C-alpha atoms as a PDB file:
ATOM      1  CA  MET A   1      -1.999  33.164   3.122  1.00  0.00           C
ATOM      2  CA  ILE A   2      -1.663  33.475  -0.639  1.00  0.00           C
ATOM      3  CA  ASP A   3      -1.725  37.251  -0.127  1.00  0.00           C
ATOM      4  CA  TRP A   4       1.799  37.034   1.322  1.00  0.00           C
ATOM      5  CA  ILE A   5       3.100  36.364  -2.152  1.00  0.00           C
ATOM      6  CA  ARG A   6       4.829  39.323  -3.737  1.00  0.00           C
ATOM      7  CA  GLN A   7       3.844  38.625  -7.324  1.00  0.00           C
ATOM      8  CA  ARG A   8       6.056  39.892 -10.144  1.00  0.00           C
ATOM      9  CA  LEU A   9       4.447  37.958 -12.985  1.00  0.00           C
ATOM     10  CA  ALA A  10       5.043  38.454 -16.685  1.00  0.00           C
ATOM     11  CA  GLN A  11       1.309  38.298 -17.447  1.00  0.00           C
ATOM     12  CA  PRO A  12      -1.935  38.058 -15.449  1.00  0.00           C
ATOM     13  CA  LEU A  13      -3.036  34.777 -13.957  1.00  0.00           C
ATOM     14  CA  LYS A  14      -5.717  33.114 -16.040  1.00  0.00           C
ATOM     15  CA  THR A  15      -7.131  30.186 -14.172  1.00  0.00           C
ATOM     16  CA  GLY A  16     -10.392  29.133 -12.631  1.00  0.00           C
ATOM     17  CA  PRO A  17     -12.564  26.076 -12.117  1.00  0.00           C
ATOM     18  CA  LEU A  18     -13.639  24.204 -15.211  1.00  0.00           C
ATOM     19  CA  PRO A  19     -17.330  23.368 -15.776  1.00  0.00           C
ATOM     20  CA  ALA A  20     -18.539  20.395 -13.748  1.00  0.00           C
ATOM     21  CA  GLY A  21     -17.433  17.122 -15.278  1.00  0.00           C
ATOM     22  CA  LYS A  22     -14.882  18.724 -17.608  1.00  0.00           C
ATOM     23  CA  VAL A  23     -11.217  17.790 -17.207  1.00  0.00           C
ATOM     24  CA  SER A  24      -8.389  19.471 -19.120  1.00  0.00           C
ATOM     25  CA  LEU A  25      -6.309  17.435 -21.564  1.00  0.00           C
ATOM     26  CA  ASP A  26      -3.215  17.901 -19.379  1.00  0.00           C
ATOM     27  CA  HIS A  27      -5.050  16.459 -16.375  1.00  0.00           C
ATOM     28  CA  GLN A  28      -6.367  13.562 -18.449  1.00  0.00           C
ATOM     29  CA  GLN A  29      -2.886  12.685 -19.631  1.00  0.00           C
ATOM     30  CA  ALA A  30      -1.469  13.194 -16.144  1.00  0.00           C
ATOM     31  CA  GLY A  31      -4.000  10.679 -14.826  1.00  0.00           C
ATOM     32  CA  ASP A  32      -2.911   8.192 -17.473  1.00  0.00           C
ATOM     33  CA  ILE A  33       0.750   8.725 -16.591  1.00  0.00           C
ATOM     34  CA  VAL A  34       0.159   8.282 -12.858  1.00  0.00           C
ATOM     35  CA  THR A  35      -1.822   5.093 -13.516  1.00  0.00           C
ATOM     36  CA  LEU A  36       0.994   3.697 -15.669  1.00  0.00           C
ATOM     37  CA  CYS A  37       3.670   4.510 -13.096  1.00  0.00           C
ATOM     38  CA  ALA A  38       1.937   4.132  -9.738  1.00  0.00           C
ATOM     39  CA  GLY A  39      -1.300   2.228 -10.208  1.00  0.00           C
ATOM     40  CA  LYS A  40      -4.517   3.754  -8.879  1.00  0.00           C
ATOM     41  CA  PRO A  41      -4.276   7.561  -8.863  1.00  0.00           C
ATOM     42  CA  ASP A  42      -6.411   8.039  -5.711  1.00  0.00           C
ATOM     43  CA  ASP A  43      -3.410   8.302  -3.358  1.00  0.00           C
ATOM     44  CA  HIS A  44      -1.295  10.172  -5.911  1.00  0.00           C
ATOM     45  CA  GLN A  45      -3.367  13.322  -6.390  1.00  0.00           C
ATOM     46  CA  ILE A  46      -0.487  15.741  -5.778  1.00  0.00           C
ATOM     47  CA  MET A  47       1.772  13.854  -8.157  1.00  0.00           C
ATOM     48  CA  GLY A  48      -0.977  14.030 -10.772  1.00  0.00           C
ATOM     49  CA  GLN A  49      -1.330  17.778 -10.268  1.00  0.00           C
ATOM     50  CA  ASN A  50       2.420  18.286 -10.649  1.00  0.00           C
ATOM     51  CA  VAL A  51       2.543  16.152 -13.792  1.00  0.00           C
ATOM     52  CA  ALA A  52      -0.346  18.162 -15.280  1.00  0.00           C
ATOM     53  CA  HIS A  53       1.632  21.355 -14.718  1.00  0.00           C
ATOM     54  CA  TYR A  54       4.703  19.888 -16.430  1.00  0.00           C
ATOM     55  CA  LEU A  55       2.611  18.791 -19.412  1.00  0.00           C
ATOM     56  CA  ALA A  56       1.012  22.246 -19.643  1.00  0.00           C
ATOM     57  CA  HIS A  57       4.411  23.942 -19.658  1.00  0.00           C
ATOM     58  CA  MET A  58       5.637  21.511 -22.324  1.00  0.00           C
ATOM     59  CA  ARG A  59       2.517  22.102 -24.432  1.00  0.00           C
ATOM     60  CA  SER A  60       3.053  25.875 -24.247  1.00  0.00           C
ATOM     61  CA  LEU A  61       6.445  25.272 -25.899  1.00  0.00           C
ATOM     62  CA  GLY A  62       4.966  23.078 -28.612  1.00  0.00           C
ATOM     63  CA  ASP A  63       6.386  19.989 -26.946  1.00  0.00           C
ATOM     64  CA  VAL A  64       3.612  17.379 -26.857  1.00  0.00           C
ATOM     65  CA  LEU A  65       3.940  13.687 -26.018  1.00  0.00           C
ATOM     66  CA  PRO A  66       2.701  11.361 -28.803  1.00  0.00           C
ATOM     67  CA  GLU A  67      -0.433   9.349 -28.041  1.00  0.00           C
ATOM     68  CA  GLN A  68       1.441   6.052 -28.216  1.00  0.00           C
ATOM     69  CA  ALA A  69       3.626   7.208 -25.318  1.00  0.00           C
ATOM     70  CA  LEU A  70       0.694   6.644 -22.967  1.00  0.00           C
ATOM     71  CA  THR A  71       0.164   2.976 -23.816  1.00  0.00           C
ATOM     72  CA  ASP A  72       2.692   1.573 -21.322  1.00  0.00           C
ATOM     73  CA  LYS A  73       5.463   2.750 -19.006  1.00  0.00           C
ATOM     74  CA  LYS A  74       8.294   1.670 -21.302  1.00  0.00           C
ATOM     75  CA  SER A  75       6.854   3.665 -24.216  1.00  0.00           C
ATOM     76  CA  LEU A  76       6.385   6.658 -21.924  1.00  0.00           C
ATOM     77  CA  GLN A  77       9.973   6.585 -20.692  1.00  0.00           C
ATOM     78  CA  LYS A  78      11.250   6.185 -24.237  1.00  0.00           C
ATOM     79  CA  ALA A  79       9.191   9.142 -25.512  1.00  0.00           C
ATOM     80  CA  ILE A  80      10.368  11.424 -22.723  1.00  0.00           C
ATOM     81  CA  SER A  81      14.022  10.454 -23.115  1.00  0.00           C
ATOM     82  CA  ALA A  82      13.853  10.932 -26.896  1.00  0.00           C
ATOM     83  CA  GLY A  83      12.783  14.528 -26.393  1.00  0.00           C
ATOM     84  CA  MET A  84      15.732  15.280 -24.121  1.00  0.00           C
ATOM     85  CA  SER A  85      18.358  14.939 -26.843  1.00  0.00           C
ATOM     86  CA  GLY A  86      18.112  18.568 -27.938  1.00  0.00           C
ATOM     87  CA  VAL A  87      21.267  20.628 -27.889  1.00  0.00           C
ATOM     88  CA  GLY A  88      21.907  24.335 -27.815  1.00  0.00           C
ATOM     89  CA  SER A  89      21.749  27.199 -25.397  1.00  0.00           C
ATOM     90  CA  ASN A  90      18.691  29.047 -26.683  1.00  0.00           C
ATOM     91  CA  ARG A  91      15.994  29.611 -24.121  1.00  0.00           C
ATOM     92  CA  GLU A  92      13.312  27.442 -25.700  1.00  0.00           C
ATOM     93  CA  VAL A  93      15.562  24.373 -25.861  1.00  0.00           C
ATOM     94  CA  LEU A  94      16.564  24.827 -22.236  1.00  0.00           C
ATOM     95  CA  GLU A  95      12.940  25.241 -21.148  1.00  0.00           C
ATOM     96  CA  LYS A  96      11.880  22.086 -22.987  1.00  0.00           C
ATOM     97  CA  LEU A  97      14.669  20.127 -21.331  1.00  0.00           C
ATOM     98  CA  ARG A  98      13.737  21.593 -17.966  1.00  0.00           C
ATOM     99  CA  TRP A  99      10.119  20.422 -18.019  1.00  0.00           C
ATOM    100  CA  ARG A 100      10.891  17.052 -19.586  1.00  0.00           C
ATOM    101  CA  SER A 101      13.514  16.367 -16.910  1.00  0.00           C
ATOM    102  CA  LYS A 102      10.980  17.168 -14.195  1.00  0.00           C
ATOM    103  CA  LEU A 103       8.447  14.826 -15.796  1.00  0.00           C
ATOM    104  CA  GLN A 104      11.068  12.107 -16.108  1.00  0.00           C
ATOM    105  CA  ARG A 105      11.944  12.491 -12.425  1.00  0.00           C
ATOM    106  CA  GLU A 106       8.324  11.935 -11.386  1.00  0.00           C
ATOM    107  CA  ILE A 107       7.974   8.857 -13.571  1.00  0.00           C
ATOM    108  CA  GLN A 108      11.154   7.294 -12.219  1.00  0.00           C
ATOM    109  CA  SER A 109      10.157   7.928  -8.581  1.00  0.00           C
ATOM    110  CA  PRO A 110       6.345   8.048  -8.202  1.00  0.00           C
ATOM    111  CA  TYR A 111       4.974   8.998  -4.800  1.00  0.00           C
ATOM    112  CA  GLN A 112       1.837   9.096  -2.705  1.00  0.00           C
ATOM    113  CA  ASP A 113       0.367  12.258  -1.219  1.00  0.00           C
ATOM    114  CA  GLN A 114       1.609  11.600   2.309  1.00  0.00           C
ATOM    115  CA  GLN A 115       5.172  11.275   1.074  1.00  0.00           C
ATOM    116  CA  VAL A 116       4.963  14.898  -0.048  1.00  0.00           C
ATOM    117  CA  GLY A 117       4.280  16.039   3.505  1.00  0.00           C
ATOM    118  CA  GLN A 118       7.223  14.044   4.829  1.00  0.00           C
ATOM    119  CA  ARG A 119       9.530  15.398   2.135  1.00  0.00           C
ATOM    120  CA  LEU A 120       8.513  18.957   2.972  1.00  0.00           C
ATOM    121  CA  ARG A 121       9.210  18.401   6.677  1.00  0.00           C
ATOM    122  CA  ASP A 122      12.641  16.992   5.801  1.00  0.00           C
ATOM    123  CA  CYS A 123      13.437  19.973   3.574  1.00  0.00           C
ATOM    124  CA  VAL A 124      12.430  22.506   6.220  1.00  0.00           C
ATOM    125  CA  GLN A 125      14.338  20.687   8.950  1.00  0.00           C
ATOM    126  CA  ASP A 126      17.513  20.538   6.862  1.00  0.00           C
ATOM    127  CA  LEU A 127      17.222  24.227   6.011  1.00  0.00           C
ATOM    128  CA  LYS A 128      16.723  25.130   9.665  1.00  0.00           C
ATOM    129  CA  SER A 129      19.822  23.122  10.603  1.00  0.00           C
ATOM    130  CA  VAL A 130      22.138  25.486   8.667  1.00  0.00           C
ATOM    131  CA  LEU A 131      20.521  28.817   9.582  1.00  0.00           C
ATOM    132  CA  PRO A 132      22.373  29.169  12.941  1.00  0.00           C
ATOM    133  CA  GLU A 133      25.559  29.524  10.860  1.00  0.00           C
ATOM    134  CA  PHE A 134      24.177  32.850   9.616  1.00  0.00           C
ATOM    135  CA  ALA A 135      22.986  34.112  13.020  1.00  0.00           C
ATOM    136  CA  HIS A 136      25.726  36.766  13.163  1.00  0.00           C
ATOM    137  CA  ILE A 137      24.796  38.131   9.716  1.00  0.00           C
ATOM    138  CA  PRO A 138      21.621  40.247   9.357  1.00  0.00           C
ATOM    139  CA  HIS A 139      19.528  38.645   6.640  1.00  0.00           C
ATOM    140  CA  GLN A 140      16.050  38.000   5.293  1.00  0.00           C
ATOM    141  CA  LEU A 141      14.842  34.729   3.782  1.00  0.00           C
ATOM    142  CA  TYR A 142      12.398  34.421   0.881  1.00  0.00           C
ATOM    143  CA  LEU A 143      10.684  31.334  -0.480  1.00  0.00           C
ATOM    144  CA  VAL A 144      10.765  31.240  -4.293  1.00  0.00           C
ATOM    145  CA  GLY A 145      10.351  28.657  -7.038  1.00  0.00           C
ATOM    146  CA  GLY A 146       7.681  26.080  -7.872  1.00  0.00           C
ATOM    147  CA  PRO A 147       5.307  26.587  -4.934  1.00  0.00           C
ATOM    148  CA  LEU A 148       4.844  30.234  -5.967  1.00  0.00           C
ATOM    149  CA  GLY A 149       5.711  30.942  -9.598  1.00  0.00           C
ATOM    150  CA  GLU A 150       2.225  30.373 -11.032  1.00  0.00           C
ATOM    151  CA  ARG A 151       0.418  29.863  -7.747  1.00  0.00           C
ATOM    152  CA  GLU A 152       0.896  26.201  -8.504  1.00  0.00           C
ATOM    153  CA  GLY A 153       1.687  24.934  -5.041  1.00  0.00           C
ATOM    154  CA  ARG A 154       4.068  22.796  -7.090  1.00  0.00           C
ATOM    155  CA  PHE A 155       6.011  20.601  -4.692  1.00  0.00           C
ATOM    156  CA  GLY A 156       6.385  16.831  -4.650  1.00  0.00           C
ATOM    157  CA  ALA A 157       8.237  14.043  -2.906  1.00  0.00           C
ATOM    158  CA  ASN A 158      11.141  14.541  -5.347  1.00  0.00           C
ATOM    159  CA  SER A 159      11.277  18.326  -4.914  1.00  0.00           C
ATOM    160  CA  ASP A 160      13.550  20.611  -2.955  1.00  0.00           C
ATOM    161  CA  LEU A 161      12.979  24.091  -1.582  1.00  0.00           C
ATOM    162  CA  ASP A 162      14.374  27.176  -3.300  1.00  0.00           C
ATOM    163  CA  VAL A 163      15.180  29.893  -0.784  1.00  0.00           C
ATOM    164  CA  VAL A 164      16.860  33.260  -1.308  1.00  0.00           C
ATOM    165  CA  MET A 165      18.865  34.850   1.515  1.00  0.00           C
ATOM    166  CA  GLU A 166      19.143  38.617   1.149  1.00  0.00           C
ATOM    167  CA  VAL A 167      21.985  40.376   3.010  1.00  0.00           C
ATOM    168  CA  ALA A 168      23.337  43.904   3.046  1.00  0.00           C
ATOM    169  CA  PRO A 169      26.032  44.541   0.382  1.00  0.00           C
ATOM    170  CA  ASP A 170      28.732  44.984   3.042  1.00  0.00           C
ATOM    171  CA  CYS A 171      27.835  41.551   4.506  1.00  0.00           C
ATOM    172  CA  LEU A 172      27.883  39.653   1.210  1.00  0.00           C
ATOM    173  CA  THR A 173      31.512  38.532   1.398  1.00  0.00           C
ATOM    174  CA  GLN A 174      31.020  37.309   4.960  1.00  0.00           C
ATOM    175  CA  ALA A 175      27.863  35.392   3.997  1.00  0.00           C
ATOM    176  CA  GLN A 176      29.594  33.883   0.953  1.00  0.00           C
ATOM    177  CA  ALA A 177      32.349  32.595   3.243  1.00  0.00           C
ATOM    178  CA  VAL A 178      29.721  30.832   5.380  1.00  0.00           C
ATOM    179  CA  VAL A 179      28.124  29.311   2.275  1.00  0.00           C
ATOM    180  CA  GLY A 180      31.517  28.127   1.068  1.00  0.00           C
ATOM    181  CA  ARG A 181      32.200  26.473   4.398  1.00  0.00           C
ATOM    182  CA  LEU A 182      28.820  24.765   4.365  1.00  0.00           C
ATOM    183  CA  GLU A 183      29.277  23.568   0.786  1.00  0.00           C
ATOM    184  CA  ARG A 184      32.560  21.918   1.710  1.00  0.00           C
ATOM    185  CA  ALA A 185      30.871  20.212   4.668  1.00  0.00           C
ATOM    186  CA  VAL A 186      27.851  18.924   2.742  1.00  0.00           C
ATOM    187  CA  GLY A 187      29.429  15.600   1.757  1.00  0.00           C
ATOM    188  CA  GLU A 188      26.871  13.034   0.722  1.00  0.00           C
ATOM    189  CA  ARG A 189      23.826  14.554   2.403  1.00  0.00           C
ATOM    190  CA  LYS A 190      20.598  14.437   0.437  1.00  0.00           C
ATOM    191  CA  HIS A 191      19.694  17.494  -1.581  1.00  0.00           C
ATOM    192  CA  THR A 192      16.632  18.987   0.123  1.00  0.00           C
ATOM    193  CA  PHE A 193      17.055  22.719  -0.418  1.00  0.00           C
ATOM    194  CA  GLU A 194      18.913  25.249  -2.501  1.00  0.00           C
ATOM    195  CA  LEU A 195      19.958  28.464  -0.816  1.00  0.00           C
ATOM    196  CA  HIS A 196      20.569  31.390  -3.171  1.00  0.00           C
ATOM    197  CA  LEU A 197      22.610  34.168  -1.626  1.00  0.00           C
ATOM    198  CA  THR A 198      22.229  37.729  -2.866  1.00  0.00           C
ATOM    199  CA  SER A 199      22.707  41.284  -1.649  1.00  0.00           C
ATOM    200  CA  SER A 200      19.897  43.773  -1.126  1.00  0.00           C
ATOM    201  CA  GLN A 201      21.362  45.677  -4.068  1.00  0.00           C
ATOM    202  CA  GLU A 202      20.796  42.699  -6.388  1.00  0.00           C
ATOM    203  CA  TRP A 203      17.534  41.523  -4.786  1.00  0.00           C
ATOM    204  CA  PRO A 204      15.166  43.379  -7.174  1.00  0.00           C
ATOM    205  CA  ALA A 205      16.701  41.571 -10.176  1.00  0.00           C
ATOM    206  CA  VAL A 206      16.648  38.251  -8.337  1.00  0.00           C
ATOM    207  CA  ALA A 207      13.010  38.747  -7.315  1.00  0.00           C
ATOM    208  CA  HIS A 208      12.070  39.584 -10.897  1.00  0.00           C
ATOM    209  CA  TYR A 209      13.763  36.438 -12.163  1.00  0.00           C
ATOM    210  CA  PHE A 210      11.912  34.143  -9.774  1.00  0.00           C
ATOM    211  CA  GLY A 211       8.615  35.899 -10.471  1.00  0.00           C
ATOM    212  CA  ALA A 212       7.166  35.679  -6.964  1.00  0.00           C
ATOM    213  CA  SER A 213       8.455  35.431  -3.427  1.00  0.00           C
ATOM    214  CA  VAL A 214       7.271  35.047   0.140  1.00  0.00           C
ATOM    215  CA  GLU A 215       9.130  36.715   2.996  1.00  0.00           C
ATOM    216  CA  LEU A 216       9.802  33.961   5.525  1.00  0.00           C
ATOM    217  CA  ASP A 217       9.601  34.150   9.288  1.00  0.00           C
ATOM    218  CA  GLU A 218      12.308  31.831  10.616  1.00  0.00           C
ATOM    219  CA  ALA A 219      10.401  31.368  13.887  1.00  0.00           C
ATOM    220  CA  ARG A 220       7.535  29.662  12.038  1.00  0.00           C
ATOM    221  CA  LEU A 221       9.259  28.374   8.943  1.00  0.00           C
ATOM    222  CA  GLY A 222       7.520  24.979   8.738  1.00  0.00           C
ATOM    223  CA  PRO A 223       3.893  26.090   9.098  1.00  0.00           C
ATOM    224  CA  GLN A 224       4.439  29.043   6.793  1.00  0.00           C
ATOM    225  CA  VAL A 225       5.970  27.063   3.914  1.00  0.00           C
ATOM    226  CA  GLU A 226       3.428  24.278   4.357  1.00  0.00           C
ATOM    227  CA  GLY A 227       0.583  26.784   4.291  1.00  0.00           C
ATOM    228  CA  VAL A 228       1.800  28.381   1.061  1.00  0.00           C
ATOM    229  CA  ILE A 229       1.955  25.007  -0.689  1.00  0.00           C
ATOM    230  CA  ARG A 230      -1.476  23.964   0.603  1.00  0.00           C
ATOM    231  CA  ASP A 231      -2.961  27.256  -0.573  1.00  0.00           C
ATOM    232  CA  GLY A 232      -1.408  26.821  -4.008  1.00  0.00           C
ATOM    233  CA  LEU A 233      -2.847  23.325  -4.331  1.00  0.00           C
ATOM    234  CA  GLY A 234      -6.207  24.591  -3.100  1.00  0.00           C
ATOM    235  CA  THR A 235      -6.226  27.196  -5.860  1.00  0.00           C
ATOM    236  CA  HIS A 236      -6.140  24.298  -8.316  1.00  0.00           C
ATOM    237  CA  GLY A 237      -8.892  22.293  -6.650  1.00  0.00           C
ATOM    238  CA  LEU A 238      -6.884  20.036  -4.323  1.00  0.00           C
ATOM    239  CA  GLN A 239      -7.699  20.182  -0.630  1.00  0.00           C
ATOM    240  CA  VAL A 240      -4.949  18.731   1.583  1.00  0.00           C
ATOM    241  CA  ASN A 241      -5.646  17.763   5.202  1.00  0.00           C
ATOM    242  CA  ASP A 242      -3.226  17.684   8.154  1.00  0.00           C
ATOM    243  CA  GLN A 243      -2.125  14.146   7.258  1.00  0.00           C
ATOM    244  CA  TRP A 244      -1.362  15.257   3.693  1.00  0.00           C
ATOM    245  CA  ARG A 245      -4.216  13.331   2.143  1.00  0.00           C
ATOM    246  CA  ALA A 246      -5.417  15.209  -0.914  1.00  0.00           C
ATOM    247  CA  THR A 247      -9.003  15.361  -2.156  1.00  0.00           C
ATOM    248  CA  ARG A 248     -10.006  16.736  -5.550  1.00  0.00           C
ATOM    249  CA  THR A 249     -12.895  19.202  -5.202  1.00  0.00           C
ATOM    250  CA  GLU A 250     -12.778  20.774  -8.670  1.00  0.00           C
ATOM    251  CA  TRP A 251     -10.692  20.891 -11.855  1.00  0.00           C
ATOM    252  CA  SER A 252      -8.910  23.909 -13.266  1.00  0.00           C
ATOM    253  CA  GLU A 253      -6.568  24.489 -16.174  1.00  0.00           C
ATOM    254  CA  PRO A 254      -2.885  24.484 -15.171  1.00  0.00           C
ATOM    255  CA  VAL A 255      -1.451  28.016 -15.359  1.00  0.00           C
ATOM    256  CA  VAL A 256       1.414  28.717 -17.734  1.00  0.00           C
ATOM    257  CA  LEU A 257       3.202  32.055 -17.700  1.00  0.00           C
ATOM    258  CA  SER A 258       5.792  33.464 -20.049  1.00  0.00           C
ATOM    259  CA  ALA A 259       9.325  33.240 -18.693  1.00  0.00           C
ATOM    260  CA  ALA A 260      10.650  36.093 -16.590  1.00  0.00           C
ATOM    261  CA  SER A 261      13.750  38.010 -17.584  1.00  0.00           C
ATOM    262  CA  PRO A 262      17.018  36.436 -16.447  1.00  0.00           C
ATOM    263  CA  PHE A 263      19.352  38.055 -13.974  1.00  0.00           C
ATOM    264  CA  PRO A 264      23.151  37.714 -13.737  1.00  0.00           C
ATOM    265  CA  ARG A 265      23.625  34.286 -12.197  1.00  0.00           C
ATOM    266  CA  GLN A 266      27.057  35.261 -10.882  1.00  0.00           C
ATOM    267  CA  SER A 267      25.309  37.444  -8.292  1.00  0.00           C
ATOM    268  CA  VAL A 268      23.911  34.348  -6.605  1.00  0.00           C
ATOM    269  CA  THR A 269      25.765  31.659  -4.712  1.00  0.00           C
ATOM    270  CA  SER A 270      23.875  28.360  -4.502  1.00  0.00           C
ATOM    271  CA  LEU A 271      24.140  25.927  -1.630  1.00  0.00           C
ATOM    272  CA  LYS A 272      22.806  22.477  -2.436  1.00  0.00           C
ATOM    273  CA  SER A 273      22.366  20.479   0.741  1.00  0.00           C
END
């Protein structure tokens, strides 16, 4: 299933199993963080994997948590918050804030493995509920974002799905009108997906920005998205069964890639449900 991914990565993937008994520093710290926030890590394997990825991305930017941050939850929260006071619009500052905010989100709302499966089902169901509004507009959906960018399978109980809808240039205005109508009707619904609307003319730039994409089949949306995430987790040594119980079979270094080139954000309309 991983072969569906249309990779447009800035540099080759460099990951693989670590020698038996060896655990990366990011995984060690992730285990400490999960223990501080959720107790025993056995039922929080996916959370631990996600946290390890966030720490690896932070480390690649020279943003490392001090050792004393891992002594208790209060110290951890304080250390993360302290690092989110940076200002400016340069890319490195924004990236540091991005990964720290994701780490902070996990700490504030820890979750068990099975909650990830339920969250994914909710996200897919909510996405499917709005697709009939676009039935009269020819389009193609693509899954992008965390589950694909570094073959991370990165998705947790606090995550949402990033989906791009590609339409023909002459249908863009019509599709934007539908998105506008849906945005006004969202109200207080939970945010489970983000729908990025773009034209086929802009799609190459959008695809390059996201780094990787999977062409989605709306008839089998749930199994396809679930399979991509399972495969990504499997690449990093986590086997997930049908009940979303995760078992660690091996350890591998989290993958960190250089950022892709940005594309003009004004070419994309976002729907947050």
